[in-house]
Amino acid sequence: MDKLHLTSKRNLKSILRHGILPMYVNMPLHWEAFHRAGLEERKCVYTWEGEHYNNAKYIRDMVYTKMFIHPRNKIFDDADFYVDFKKFGDQLYGTDGTYYLLKIPEVESPFSPWLHMQEPDDTANTSTTIMNDKYAHRDKLLHIFDKVIPPVKFEIVEKINVRVYKNHQLGFSHSSTF
């Protein structure tokens, strides 16, 4: 079964040269679950199944994650105090950019698939507080890998240009020609 991985343009040159490298697992809950399933080092490559649902929606969701949830996770990790994300509003972090969708054909993860959920939360100190509901999901199968995925094992299948608007909305255009 094919797996998919989304990366920003700034990482593409390195990925094409060195492969998709496992990265530090920031989320403690992710690390605890992955470790219980057999992940030995706190690093992995996140991928998702590419055959069973609308990938354009998931691409939008993941770009939103990179511009809304991940920066909030970092703020929370760096803070020595309680963080009230309601005060942050719907602020996006980042600018217009380009992402690439990588397809990893017919590879199985040594770990069980995980159900990925990304939903708004009313709790003031969570990274999904005031999250835009249109980027929510609770049905995506996530697969992790603990080893480098070499360039010969994947191909670029889509280019995604992202526009960040002043009203904290995102605009997307997709292209499969390079």
C-alpha atoms as a PDB file:
ATOM      1  CA  MET A   1       0.000   0.000   0.000  1.00  0.00           C
ATOM      2  CA  ASP A   2       1.342   3.446  -0.931  1.00  0.00           C
ATOM      3  CA  LYS A   3       2.281   5.940   1.780  1.00  0.00           C
ATOM      4  CA  LEU A   4       2.461   9.714   1.401  1.00  0.00           C
ATOM      5  CA  HIS A   5       4.705  12.312   3.013  1.00  0.00           C
ATOM      6  CA  LEU A   6       4.411  16.108   2.786  1.00  0.00           C
ATOM      7  CA  THR A   7       7.488  18.327   2.878  1.00  0.00           C
ATOM      8  CA  SER A   8       8.188  21.999   2.380  1.00  0.00           C
ATOM      9  CA  LYS A   9      10.219  23.300  -0.538  1.00  0.00           C
ATOM     10  CA  ARG A  10      13.067  24.284   1.791  1.00  0.00           C
ATOM     11  CA  ASN A  11      13.582  20.593   2.697  1.00  0.00           C
ATOM     12  CA  LEU A  12      13.222  19.134  -0.790  1.00  0.00           C
ATOM     13  CA  LYS A  13      16.835  19.448  -1.977  1.00  0.00           C
ATOM     14  CA  SER A  14      18.131  17.673   1.126  1.00  0.00           C
ATOM     15  CA  ILE A  15      15.444  14.980   0.919  1.00  0.00           C
ATOM     16  CA  LEU A  16      16.278  14.295  -2.722  1.00  0.00           C
ATOM     17  CA  ARG A  17      19.935  13.916  -1.769  1.00  0.00           C
ATOM     18  CA  HIS A  18      19.741  12.124   1.611  1.00  0.00           C
ATOM     19  CA  GLY A  19      16.230  10.682   1.778  1.00  0.00           C
ATOM     20  CA  ILE A  20      13.395  11.356   4.214  1.00  0.00           C
ATOM     21  CA  LEU A  21      15.106  11.395   7.591  1.00  0.00           C
ATOM     22  CA  PRO A  22      13.443  10.443  10.871  1.00  0.00           C
ATOM     23  CA  MET A  23      12.827  13.568  12.942  1.00  0.00           C
ATOM     24  CA  TYR A  24      12.450  14.057  16.684  1.00  0.00           C
ATOM     25  CA  VAL A  25       8.964  13.164  17.962  1.00  0.00           C
ATOM     26  CA  ASN A  26       7.865  16.360  19.721  1.00  0.00           C
ATOM     27  CA  MET A  27       4.495  15.277  21.051  1.00  0.00           C
ATOM     28  CA  PRO A  28       4.893  13.347  24.338  1.00  0.00           C
ATOM     29  CA  LEU A  29       1.690  11.368  23.708  1.00  0.00           C
ATOM     30  CA  HIS A  30       2.942  10.341  20.262  1.00  0.00           C
ATOM     31  CA  TRP A  31       6.309   9.309  21.677  1.00  0.00           C
ATOM     32  CA  GLU A  32       4.732   7.267  24.501  1.00  0.00           C
ATOM     33  CA  ALA A  33       2.431   5.399  22.093  1.00  0.00           C
ATOM     34  CA  PHE A  34       5.125   4.832  19.458  1.00  0.00           C
ATOM     35  CA  HIS A  35       7.611   3.683  22.097  1.00  0.00           C
ATOM     36  CA  ARG A  36       5.088   1.185  23.506  1.00  0.00           C
ATOM     37  CA  ALA A  37       4.676  -0.129  19.939  1.00  0.00           C
ATOM     38  CA  GLY A  38       8.420  -0.711  19.614  1.00  0.00           C
ATOM     39  CA  LEU A  39       9.977   2.566  18.423  1.00  0.00           C
ATOM     40  CA  GLU A  40      13.328   2.596  20.204  1.00  0.00           C
ATOM     41  CA  GLU A  41      14.663   6.066  19.413  1.00  0.00           C
ATOM     42  CA  ARG A  42      12.519   9.213  19.735  1.00  0.00           C
ATOM     43  CA  LYS A  43      12.687   9.839  15.962  1.00  0.00           C
ATOM     44  CA  CYS A  44      10.431   8.797  13.109  1.00  0.00           C
ATOM     45  CA  VAL A  45       9.108   9.650   9.659  1.00  0.00           C
ATOM     46  CA  TYR A  46       5.380  10.433   9.588  1.00  0.00           C
ATOM     47  CA  THR A  47       3.454   9.185   6.542  1.00  0.00           C
ATOM     48  CA  TRP A  48      -0.195   8.485   5.763  1.00  0.00           C
ATOM     49  CA  GLU A  49      -2.076   6.029   3.595  1.00  0.00           C
ATOM     50  CA  GLY A  50      -2.705   7.414   0.153  1.00  0.00           C
ATOM     51  CA  GLU A  51      -5.390   5.184  -1.254  1.00  0.00           C
ATOM     52  CA  HIS A  52      -8.538   5.449   0.801  1.00  0.00           C
ATOM     53  CA  TYR A  53      -9.632   9.058   1.107  1.00  0.00           C
ATOM     54  CA  ASN A  54      -9.388  12.586  -0.201  1.00  0.00           C
ATOM     55  CA  ASN A  55      -5.690  13.448  -0.205  1.00  0.00           C
ATOM     56  CA  ALA A  56      -6.300  17.096  -1.184  1.00  0.00           C
ATOM     57  CA  LYS A  57      -8.169  17.568   2.101  1.00  0.00           C
ATOM     58  CA  TYR A  58      -5.427  15.874   4.074  1.00  0.00           C
ATOM     59  CA  ILE A  59      -2.750  17.955   2.349  1.00  0.00           C
ATOM     60  CA  ARG A  60      -4.628  21.116   3.383  1.00  0.00           C
ATOM     61  CA  ASP A  61      -4.990  19.746   6.911  1.00  0.00           C
ATOM     62  CA  MET A  62      -1.263  18.996   7.160  1.00  0.00           C
ATOM     63  CA  VAL A  63      -0.191  22.390   5.807  1.00  0.00           C
ATOM     64  CA  TYR A  64      -2.519  23.982   8.363  1.00  0.00           C
ATOM     65  CA  THR A  65      -0.893  21.819  11.049  1.00  0.00           C
ATOM     66  CA  LYS A  66       2.546  23.098  10.030  1.00  0.00           C
ATOM     67  CA  MET A  67       1.338  26.729  10.195  1.00  0.00           C
ATOM     68  CA  PHE A  68      -0.968  26.621  13.225  1.00  0.00           C
ATOM     69  CA  ILE A  69      -0.550  23.584  15.487  1.00  0.00           C
ATOM     70  CA  HIS A  70       3.210  22.898  15.270  1.00  0.00           C
ATOM     71  CA  PRO A  71       4.199  26.496  16.140  1.00  0.00           C
ATOM     72  CA  ARG A  72       1.817  26.407  19.110  1.00  0.00           C
ATOM     73  CA  ASN A  73       3.315  23.101  20.246  1.00  0.00           C
ATOM     74  CA  LYS A  74       6.744  24.763  20.170  1.00  0.00           C
ATOM     75  CA  ILE A  75       5.471  27.792  22.137  1.00  0.00           C
ATOM     76  CA  PHE A  76       3.981  25.422  24.709  1.00  0.00           C
ATOM     77  CA  ASP A  77       7.187  23.355  24.922  1.00  0.00           C
ATOM     78  CA  ASP A  78       9.336  26.482  25.371  1.00  0.00           C
ATOM     79  CA  ALA A  79       7.076  28.130  27.957  1.00  0.00           C
ATOM     80  CA  ASP A  80       7.822  27.844  31.659  1.00  0.00           C
ATOM     81  CA  PHE A  81       4.272  28.873  32.467  1.00  0.00           C
ATOM     82  CA  TYR A  82       0.649  28.230  31.524  1.00  0.00           C
ATOM     83  CA  VAL A  83      -0.103  29.313  27.940  1.00  0.00           C
ATOM     84  CA  ASP A  84      -3.606  30.606  27.171  1.00  0.00           C
ATOM     85  CA  PHE A  85      -3.937  29.993  23.423  1.00  0.00           C
ATOM     86  CA  LYS A  86      -7.333  31.704  23.357  1.00  0.00           C
ATOM     87  CA  LYS A  87      -5.387  34.964  23.533  1.00  0.00           C
ATOM     88  CA  PHE A  88      -3.559  33.986  20.312  1.00  0.00           C
ATOM     89  CA  GLY A  89      -6.777  33.862  18.275  1.00  0.00           C
ATOM     90  CA  ASP A  90      -6.592  32.158  14.889  1.00  0.00           C
ATOM     91  CA  GLN A  91      -3.088  33.444  14.088  1.00  0.00           C
ATOM     92  CA  LEU A  92      -1.158  31.467  11.462  1.00  0.00           C
ATOM     93  CA  TYR A  93       2.632  31.319  11.581  1.00  0.00           C
ATOM     94  CA  GLY A  94       4.456  31.356   8.285  1.00  0.00           C
ATOM     95  CA  THR A  95       4.103  32.909   4.874  1.00  0.00           C
ATOM     96  CA  ASP A  96       3.198  31.854   1.361  1.00  0.00           C
ATOM     97  CA  GLY A  97       5.099  28.734   0.447  1.00  0.00           C
ATOM     98  CA  THR A  98       5.433  25.594  -1.586  1.00  0.00           C
ATOM     99  CA  TYR A  99       5.067  22.003  -0.451  1.00  0.00           C
ATOM    100  CA  TYR A 100       5.651  18.708  -2.211  1.00  0.00           C
ATOM    101  CA  LEU A 101       3.760  15.469  -1.834  1.00  0.00           C
ATOM    102  CA  LEU A 102       6.009  12.414  -1.934  1.00  0.00           C
ATOM    103  CA  LYS A 103       4.620   8.973  -2.736  1.00  0.00           C
ATOM    104  CA  ILE A 104       6.354   5.967  -1.226  1.00  0.00           C
ATOM    105  CA  PRO A 105       5.050   2.971  -3.185  1.00  0.00           C
ATOM    106  CA  GLU A 106       4.270  -0.407  -1.676  1.00  0.00           C
ATOM    107  CA  VAL A 107       6.100  -0.100   1.621  1.00  0.00           C
ATOM    108  CA  GLU A 108       4.879  -1.402   4.956  1.00  0.00           C
ATOM    109  CA  SER A 109       5.568   0.280   8.247  1.00  0.00           C
ATOM    110  CA  PRO A 110       7.110  -1.917  10.935  1.00  0.00           C
ATOM    111  CA  PHE A 111       4.616  -0.297  13.321  1.00  0.00           C
ATOM    112  CA  SER A 112       0.846  -0.533  13.446  1.00  0.00           C
ATOM    113  CA  PRO A 113      -1.154   2.218  11.733  1.00  0.00           C
ATOM    114  CA  TRP A 114      -2.348   4.999  13.997  1.00  0.00           C
ATOM    115  CA  LEU A 115      -5.594   6.914  13.741  1.00  0.00           C
ATOM    116  CA  HIS A 116      -4.698  10.596  13.367  1.00  0.00           C
ATOM    117  CA  MET A 117      -7.118  13.100  14.862  1.00  0.00           C
ATOM    118  CA  GLN A 118      -6.933  16.863  14.600  1.00  0.00           C
ATOM    119  CA  GLU A 119      -9.939  18.619  16.081  1.00  0.00           C
ATOM    120  CA  PRO A 120     -10.759  21.984  17.647  1.00  0.00           C
ATOM    121  CA  ASP A 121     -10.612  22.103  21.423  1.00  0.00           C
ATOM    122  CA  ASP A 122     -12.090  24.679  23.784  1.00  0.00           C
ATOM    123  CA  THR A 123      -9.430  24.118  26.436  1.00  0.00           C
ATOM    124  CA  ALA A 124      -7.324  27.264  26.615  1.00  0.00           C
ATOM    125  CA  ASN A 125      -3.934  25.558  26.836  1.00  0.00           C
ATOM    126  CA  THR A 126      -4.089  23.122  23.906  1.00  0.00           C
ATOM    127  CA  SER A 127      -2.528  23.735  20.515  1.00  0.00           C
ATOM    128  CA  THR A 128      -5.877  23.187  18.754  1.00  0.00           C
ATOM    129  CA  THR A 129      -7.661  25.984  20.660  1.00  0.00           C
ATOM    130  CA  ILE A 130      -9.553  28.197  18.164  1.00  0.00           C
ATOM    131  CA  MET A 131      -8.448  25.891  15.350  1.00  0.00           C
ATOM    132  CA  ASN A 132     -10.312  26.361  12.057  1.00  0.00           C
ATOM    133  CA  ASP A 133     -12.793  23.470  11.886  1.00  0.00           C
ATOM    134  CA  LYS A 134     -12.396  22.987   8.134  1.00  0.00           C
ATOM    135  CA  TYR A 135      -8.912  21.523   8.780  1.00  0.00           C
ATOM    136  CA  ALA A 136     -10.237  18.979  11.271  1.00  0.00           C
ATOM    137  CA  HIS A 137     -10.225  15.242  10.735  1.00  0.00           C
ATOM    138  CA  ARG A 138     -10.408  12.066  12.781  1.00  0.00           C
ATOM    139  CA  ASP A 139     -10.153   9.374  10.142  1.00  0.00           C
ATOM    140  CA  LYS A 140      -6.635   9.443   8.692  1.00  0.00           C
ATOM    141  CA  LEU A 141      -4.365   6.432   9.041  1.00  0.00           C
ATOM    142  CA  LEU A 142      -0.868   7.476  10.010  1.00  0.00           C
ATOM    143  CA  HIS A 143       2.164   5.220   9.547  1.00  0.00           C
ATOM    144  CA  ILE A 144       5.568   5.839  11.078  1.00  0.00           C
ATOM    145  CA  PHE A 145       9.006   4.643  10.035  1.00  0.00           C
ATOM    146  CA  ASP A 146      12.127   4.542  12.158  1.00  0.00           C
ATOM    147  CA  LYS A 147      14.598   4.431   9.275  1.00  0.00           C
ATOM    148  CA  VAL A 148      15.629   6.798   6.488  1.00  0.00           C
ATOM    149  CA  ILE A 149      13.478   6.404   3.375  1.00  0.00           C
ATOM    150  CA  PRO A 150      16.055   6.707   0.565  1.00  0.00           C
ATOM    151  CA  PRO A 151      15.339   8.793  -2.575  1.00  0.00           C
ATOM    152  CA  VAL A 152      15.112   5.676  -4.761  1.00  0.00           C
ATOM    153  CA  LYS A 153      12.074   4.609  -2.680  1.00  0.00           C
ATOM    154  CA  PHE A 154       9.839   7.633  -3.368  1.00  0.00           C
ATOM    155  CA  GLU A 155       8.714  10.006  -6.094  1.00  0.00           C
ATOM    156  CA  ILE A 156       7.327  13.538  -6.134  1.00  0.00           C
ATOM    157  CA  VAL A 157       3.694  13.350  -7.207  1.00  0.00           C
ATOM    158  CA  GLU A 158       2.335  16.820  -6.488  1.00  0.00           C
ATOM    159  CA  LYS A 159       3.398  20.411  -5.922  1.00  0.00           C
ATOM    160  CA  ILE A 160       1.209  22.513  -3.639  1.00  0.00           C
ATOM    161  CA  ASN A 161       1.442  26.295  -3.568  1.00  0.00           C
ATOM    162  CA  VAL A 162       0.032  27.863  -0.426  1.00  0.00           C
ATOM    163  CA  ARG A 163      -1.081  31.455  -0.002  1.00  0.00           C
ATOM    164  CA  VAL A 164      -1.597  32.970   3.457  1.00  0.00           C
ATOM    165  CA  TYR A 165      -4.275  35.674   3.485  1.00  0.00           C
ATOM    166  CA  LYS A 166      -4.561  38.548   5.969  1.00  0.00           C
ATOM    167  CA  ASN A 167      -7.740  37.047   7.437  1.00  0.00           C
ATOM    168  CA  HIS A 168      -5.748  33.947   8.523  1.00  0.00           C
ATOM    169  CA  GLN A 169      -7.145  31.802   5.726  1.00  0.00           C
ATOM    170  CA  LEU A 170      -5.120  29.601   3.398  1.00  0.00           C
ATOM    171  CA  GLY A 171      -5.425  29.307  -0.373  1.00  0.00           C
ATOM    172  CA  PHE A 172      -4.142  26.248  -2.251  1.00  0.00           C
ATOM    173  CA  SER A 173      -3.228  25.400  -5.806  1.00  0.00           C
ATOM    174  CA  HIS A 174      -2.120  21.904  -6.816  1.00  0.00           C
ATOM    175  CA  SER A 175       0.031  20.843  -9.745  1.00  0.00           C
ATOM    176  CA  SER A 176       1.239  17.421 -10.797  1.00  0.00           C
ATOM    177  CA  THR A 177       3.667  18.678 -13.461  1.00  0.00           C
ATOM    178  CA  PHE A 178       7.201  19.752 -12.532  1.00  0.00           C
END
